[in-house]
Amino acid sequence: MQLRAAERLAPSPVVPDALVPMERLGPASAVATRTLEFLGRGINGRSMDMDRIDFAATRGTTEVWEVVNAEDTPHNFHVHDAQFQVLTVGGGPPPAALSGWKDTVYLPPHRPIRIALRFTDHSDPDVPYMYHCHLLWHEDTGMMGQFVVVEPGQSPGRPPRHGDHTGHD
């Protein structure tokens, strides 16, 4: 592929003084607060298990998650299904770079990150979404968990069985 600029470029439009306003998710509207501690090769002392649902979030609700890197190893937190807003970093306000919608955030060692998430998408008590360290090696060694989004009043089900794969190439 070749990219060729025109001989004469048109001037760029002026950046507006204000961008599209963003609704802020406040912790007061949260129906649940969860703590996710990243330590060793697990989250909350557990390694990934495809046959386990770690928790359920209710569709149409907001939750606050406190995500903690409890060691000196770098971690990045990524969540499937829901974008989030960073509320605090180490107890203080987040820097400007973390003021928008996110799906991944760096976890500084020993400085909790509080995020607000709203669950608005597809719900199914048996089909989980994942949250995990976004460093491939950490994912591969089990630093992941699963949650389901359920309808109000619905309970989590069971994820599809992941049978025994021994003997398969």
C-alpha atoms as a PDB file:
ATOM      1  CA  MET A   1       0.000   0.000   0.000  1.00  0.00           C
ATOM      2  CA  GLN A   2       1.219   3.486  -0.782  1.00  0.00           C
ATOM      3  CA  LEU A   3       0.010   6.658   0.846  1.00  0.00           C
ATOM      4  CA  ARG A   4       0.519   9.781  -1.207  1.00  0.00           C
ATOM      5  CA  ALA A   5      -0.294  13.217   0.115  1.00  0.00           C
ATOM      6  CA  ALA A   6      -1.726  15.777  -2.243  1.00  0.00           C
ATOM      7  CA  GLU A   7       0.610  18.552  -3.309  1.00  0.00           C
ATOM      8  CA  ARG A   8      -1.562  21.023  -1.475  1.00  0.00           C
ATOM      9  CA  LEU A   9      -3.330  20.036   1.730  1.00  0.00           C
ATOM     10  CA  ALA A  10      -6.485  21.701   2.958  1.00  0.00           C
ATOM     11  CA  PRO A  11      -6.284  23.250   6.415  1.00  0.00           C
ATOM     12  CA  SER A  12      -7.620  21.139   9.266  1.00  0.00           C
ATOM     13  CA  PRO A  13     -10.839  22.267  10.891  1.00  0.00           C
ATOM     14  CA  VAL A  14     -10.549  24.083  14.181  1.00  0.00           C
ATOM     15  CA  VAL A  15     -10.858  21.829  17.225  1.00  0.00           C
ATOM     16  CA  PRO A  16     -13.960  22.887  19.162  1.00  0.00           C
ATOM     17  CA  ASP A  17     -13.594  24.368  22.641  1.00  0.00           C
ATOM     18  CA  ALA A  18     -15.860  21.661  24.056  1.00  0.00           C
ATOM     19  CA  LEU A  19     -16.191  18.087  22.867  1.00  0.00           C
ATOM     20  CA  VAL A  20     -19.284  15.913  23.206  1.00  0.00           C
ATOM     21  CA  PRO A  21     -20.379  15.921  26.851  1.00  0.00           C
ATOM     22  CA  MET A  22     -19.897  12.628  28.651  1.00  0.00           C
ATOM     23  CA  GLU A  23     -22.258  11.332  31.295  1.00  0.00           C
ATOM     24  CA  ARG A  24     -20.277  10.609  34.442  1.00  0.00           C
ATOM     25  CA  LEU A  25     -21.014   7.390  36.314  1.00  0.00           C
ATOM     26  CA  GLY A  26     -21.111   8.187  40.009  1.00  0.00           C
ATOM     27  CA  PRO A  27     -20.416   5.717  42.791  1.00  0.00           C
ATOM     28  CA  ALA A  28     -23.686   6.732  44.499  1.00  0.00           C
ATOM     29  CA  SER A  29     -25.660   4.946  41.760  1.00  0.00           C
ATOM     30  CA  ALA A  30     -23.697   1.684  42.165  1.00  0.00           C
ATOM     31  CA  VAL A  31     -25.659  -1.378  43.256  1.00  0.00           C
ATOM     32  CA  ALA A  32     -22.494  -3.330  44.104  1.00  0.00           C
ATOM     33  CA  THR A  33     -18.841  -2.722  44.935  1.00  0.00           C
ATOM     34  CA  ARG A  34     -16.307  -5.438  44.149  1.00  0.00           C
ATOM     35  CA  THR A  35     -12.596  -5.763  44.880  1.00  0.00           C
ATOM     36  CA  LEU A  36     -10.333  -7.536  42.386  1.00  0.00           C
ATOM     37  CA  GLU A  37      -6.824  -8.158  43.730  1.00  0.00           C
ATOM     38  CA  PHE A  38      -4.129  -9.126  41.231  1.00  0.00           C
ATOM     39  CA  LEU A  39      -1.496 -11.243  42.976  1.00  0.00           C
ATOM     40  CA  GLY A  40       0.734 -14.063  41.789  1.00  0.00           C
ATOM     41  CA  ARG A  41      -1.042 -15.572  38.795  1.00  0.00           C
ATOM     42  CA  GLY A  42      -4.569 -15.124  40.009  1.00  0.00           C
ATOM     43  CA  ILE A  43      -7.284 -12.640  40.875  1.00  0.00           C
ATOM     44  CA  ASN A  44      -8.660 -12.753  44.411  1.00  0.00           C
ATOM     45  CA  GLY A  45      -6.539 -15.834  45.044  1.00  0.00           C
ATOM     46  CA  ARG A  46      -8.093 -17.810  42.204  1.00  0.00           C
ATOM     47  CA  SER A  47      -6.722 -18.843  38.843  1.00  0.00           C
ATOM     48  CA  MET A  48      -8.945 -18.930  35.756  1.00  0.00           C
ATOM     49  CA  ASP A  49     -11.415 -21.795  35.528  1.00  0.00           C
ATOM     50  CA  MET A  50     -13.518 -21.902  32.353  1.00  0.00           C
ATOM     51  CA  ASP A  51     -16.149 -23.933  34.226  1.00  0.00           C
ATOM     52  CA  ARG A  52     -16.651 -21.293  36.931  1.00  0.00           C
ATOM     53  CA  ILE A  53     -18.604 -18.037  36.959  1.00  0.00           C
ATOM     54  CA  ASP A  54     -17.011 -15.712  39.507  1.00  0.00           C
ATOM     55  CA  PHE A  55     -19.975 -13.349  39.867  1.00  0.00           C
ATOM     56  CA  ALA A  56     -23.049 -11.916  38.170  1.00  0.00           C
ATOM     57  CA  ALA A  57     -23.821  -8.300  37.285  1.00  0.00           C
ATOM     58  CA  THR A  58     -27.392  -7.208  36.625  1.00  0.00           C
ATOM     59  CA  ARG A  59     -28.191  -5.646  33.257  1.00  0.00           C
ATOM     60  CA  GLY A  60     -29.068  -1.966  33.516  1.00  0.00           C
ATOM     61  CA  THR A  61     -27.066  -1.400  36.704  1.00  0.00           C
ATOM     62  CA  THR A  62     -23.841   0.358  37.632  1.00  0.00           C
ATOM     63  CA  GLU A  63     -21.122  -1.201  39.789  1.00  0.00           C
ATOM     64  CA  VAL A  64     -17.891   0.102  41.295  1.00  0.00           C
ATOM     65  CA  TRP A  65     -14.860  -2.158  41.108  1.00  0.00           C
ATOM     66  CA  GLU A  66     -11.685  -1.517  43.061  1.00  0.00           C
ATOM     67  CA  VAL A  67      -8.868  -3.137  41.109  1.00  0.00           C
ATOM     68  CA  VAL A  68      -5.630  -3.612  43.038  1.00  0.00           C
ATOM     69  CA  ASN A  69      -2.197  -4.644  41.828  1.00  0.00           C
ATOM     70  CA  ALA A  70      -0.928  -6.164  45.101  1.00  0.00           C
ATOM     71  CA  GLU A  71       2.617  -6.723  43.837  1.00  0.00           C
ATOM     72  CA  ASP A  72       5.450  -4.918  42.075  1.00  0.00           C
ATOM     73  CA  THR A  73       4.879  -6.708  38.751  1.00  0.00           C
ATOM     74  CA  PRO A  74       3.135  -4.540  36.135  1.00  0.00           C
ATOM     75  CA  HIS A  75      -0.449  -5.418  35.224  1.00  0.00           C
ATOM     76  CA  ASN A  76      -3.047  -3.958  32.881  1.00  0.00           C
ATOM     77  CA  PHE A  77      -6.706  -4.554  33.657  1.00  0.00           C
ATOM     78  CA  HIS A  78      -9.103  -5.285  30.793  1.00  0.00           C
ATOM     79  CA  VAL A  79     -12.808  -6.088  31.021  1.00  0.00           C
ATOM     80  CA  HIS A  80     -15.049  -7.478  28.297  1.00  0.00           C
ATOM     81  CA  ASP A  81     -18.617  -6.266  27.650  1.00  0.00           C
ATOM     82  CA  ALA A  82     -18.545  -2.977  29.555  1.00  0.00           C
ATOM     83  CA  GLN A  83     -16.510   0.161  29.154  1.00  0.00           C
ATOM     84  CA  PHE A  84     -15.724   1.936  32.384  1.00  0.00           C
ATOM     85  CA  GLN A  85     -14.780   5.294  33.864  1.00  0.00           C
ATOM     86  CA  VAL A  86     -11.871   5.684  36.268  1.00  0.00           C
ATOM     87  CA  LEU A  87     -13.076   7.245  39.523  1.00  0.00           C
ATOM     88  CA  THR A  88      -9.841   7.339  41.530  1.00  0.00           C
ATOM     89  CA  VAL A  89      -6.197   6.291  41.337  1.00  0.00           C
ATOM     90  CA  GLY A  90      -4.599   5.593  44.705  1.00  0.00           C
ATOM     91  CA  GLY A  91      -7.458   7.419  46.412  1.00  0.00           C
ATOM     92  CA  GLY A  92      -7.034  10.623  44.418  1.00  0.00           C
ATOM     93  CA  PRO A  93      -8.617  11.967  41.250  1.00  0.00           C
ATOM     94  CA  PRO A  94      -7.476  10.344  37.999  1.00  0.00           C
ATOM     95  CA  PRO A  95      -5.226  12.255  35.613  1.00  0.00           C
ATOM     96  CA  ALA A  96      -6.838  13.869  32.559  1.00  0.00           C
ATOM     97  CA  ALA A  97      -5.690  11.000  30.325  1.00  0.00           C
ATOM     98  CA  LEU A  98      -7.981   8.660  32.290  1.00  0.00           C
ATOM     99  CA  SER A  99     -11.062  10.894  32.175  1.00  0.00           C
ATOM    100  CA  GLY A 100     -12.809   9.218  29.214  1.00  0.00           C
ATOM    101  CA  TRP A 101     -14.379   5.828  28.620  1.00  0.00           C
ATOM    102  CA  LYS A 102     -11.894   2.954  28.973  1.00  0.00           C
ATOM    103  CA  ASP A 103     -11.798  -0.804  28.539  1.00  0.00           C
ATOM    104  CA  THR A 104      -8.202  -1.226  29.737  1.00  0.00           C
ATOM    105  CA  VAL A 105      -6.215   0.583  32.409  1.00  0.00           C
ATOM    106  CA  TYR A 106      -2.673   0.263  33.765  1.00  0.00           C
ATOM    107  CA  LEU A 107      -2.576  -0.890  37.387  1.00  0.00           C
ATOM    108  CA  PRO A 108       0.263   0.840  39.205  1.00  0.00           C
ATOM    109  CA  PRO A 109       1.716  -1.349  41.959  1.00  0.00           C
ATOM    110  CA  HIS A 110      -0.032  -0.964  45.325  1.00  0.00           C
ATOM    111  CA  ARG A 111      -2.278   1.932  44.139  1.00  0.00           C
ATOM    112  CA  PRO A 112      -5.925   0.858  43.888  1.00  0.00           C
ATOM    113  CA  ILE A 113      -7.884   1.993  40.850  1.00  0.00           C
ATOM    114  CA  ARG A 114     -11.623   2.502  41.388  1.00  0.00           C
ATOM    115  CA  ILE A 115     -13.754   2.237  38.265  1.00  0.00           C
ATOM    116  CA  ALA A 116     -17.473   2.550  37.537  1.00  0.00           C
ATOM    117  CA  LEU A 117     -19.083   0.225  34.986  1.00  0.00           C
ATOM    118  CA  ARG A 118     -22.626   0.147  33.623  1.00  0.00           C
ATOM    119  CA  PHE A 119     -23.898  -3.147  32.244  1.00  0.00           C
ATOM    120  CA  THR A 120     -26.189  -2.444  29.300  1.00  0.00           C
ATOM    121  CA  ASP A 121     -25.471  -5.147  26.742  1.00  0.00           C
ATOM    122  CA  HIS A 122     -26.505  -8.721  26.128  1.00  0.00           C
ATOM    123  CA  SER A 123     -27.403 -10.750  29.171  1.00  0.00           C
ATOM    124  CA  ASP A 124     -27.227 -14.521  29.466  1.00  0.00           C
ATOM    125  CA  PRO A 125     -26.823 -16.373  32.771  1.00  0.00           C
ATOM    126  CA  ASP A 126     -24.723 -19.093  31.103  1.00  0.00           C
ATOM    127  CA  VAL A 127     -22.427 -17.171  28.735  1.00  0.00           C
ATOM    128  CA  PRO A 128     -19.683 -15.352  30.633  1.00  0.00           C
ATOM    129  CA  TYR A 129     -17.564 -12.329  29.852  1.00  0.00           C
ATOM    130  CA  MET A 130     -13.957 -12.135  31.026  1.00  0.00           C
ATOM    131  CA  TYR A 131     -11.861  -9.711  33.022  1.00  0.00           C
ATOM    132  CA  HIS A 132      -8.124 -10.192  33.139  1.00  0.00           C
ATOM    133  CA  CYS A 133      -4.600  -8.886  33.110  1.00  0.00           C
ATOM    134  CA  HIS A 134      -3.994  -7.738  29.558  1.00  0.00           C
ATOM    135  CA  LEU A 135      -0.411  -8.997  29.478  1.00  0.00           C
ATOM    136  CA  LEU A 136      -0.567 -12.169  27.394  1.00  0.00           C
ATOM    137  CA  TRP A 137       1.755 -14.209  29.587  1.00  0.00           C
ATOM    138  CA  HIS A 138      -0.294 -13.332  32.688  1.00  0.00           C
ATOM    139  CA  GLU A 139      -3.548 -14.234  30.901  1.00  0.00           C
ATOM    140  CA  ASP A 140      -2.073 -17.541  29.778  1.00  0.00           C
ATOM    141  CA  THR A 141      -1.007 -18.414  33.322  1.00  0.00           C
ATOM    142  CA  GLY A 142      -4.471 -17.854  34.780  1.00  0.00           C
ATOM    143  CA  MET A 143      -4.816 -14.185  35.777  1.00  0.00           C
ATOM    144  CA  MET A 144      -8.394 -14.084  34.516  1.00  0.00           C
ATOM    145  CA  GLY A 145     -11.946 -14.386  35.784  1.00  0.00           C
ATOM    146  CA  GLN A 146     -15.461 -14.609  34.365  1.00  0.00           C
ATOM    147  CA  PHE A 147     -18.753 -12.881  35.070  1.00  0.00           C
ATOM    148  CA  VAL A 148     -22.205 -13.059  33.563  1.00  0.00           C
ATOM    149  CA  VAL A 149     -24.729 -10.309  32.992  1.00  0.00           C
ATOM    150  CA  VAL A 150     -28.201 -11.359  34.119  1.00  0.00           C
ATOM    151  CA  GLU A 151     -31.652  -9.829  33.954  1.00  0.00           C
ATOM    152  CA  PRO A 152     -33.034  -8.312  37.171  1.00  0.00           C
ATOM    153  CA  GLY A 153     -33.954 -11.140  39.567  1.00  0.00           C
ATOM    154  CA  GLN A 154     -32.147 -13.778  37.500  1.00  0.00           C
ATOM    155  CA  SER A 155     -29.378 -15.960  38.973  1.00  0.00           C
ATOM    156  CA  PRO A 156     -26.138 -16.962  37.266  1.00  0.00           C
ATOM    157  CA  GLY A 157     -26.259 -20.295  35.502  1.00  0.00           C
ATOM    158  CA  ARG A 158     -23.427 -22.568  34.482  1.00  0.00           C
ATOM    159  CA  PRO A 159     -20.957 -21.870  31.678  1.00  0.00           C
ATOM    160  CA  PRO A 160     -20.827 -24.350  28.811  1.00  0.00           C
ATOM    161  CA  ARG A 161     -18.716 -27.371  29.777  1.00  0.00           C
ATOM    162  CA  HIS A 162     -15.207 -27.355  28.417  1.00  0.00           C
ATOM    163  CA  GLY A 163     -14.594 -31.084  28.172  1.00  0.00           C
ATOM    164  CA  ASP A 164     -11.402 -32.966  28.664  1.00  0.00           C
ATOM    165  CA  HIS A 165      -9.021 -32.116  25.828  1.00  0.00           C
ATOM    166  CA  THR A 166      -6.332 -34.661  26.666  1.00  0.00           C
ATOM    167  CA  GLY A 167      -5.247 -36.755  23.760  1.00  0.00           C
ATOM    168  CA  HIS A 168      -6.185 -34.117  21.172  1.00  0.00           C
ATOM    169  CA  ASP A 169      -3.561 -32.504  18.979  1.00  0.00           C
END
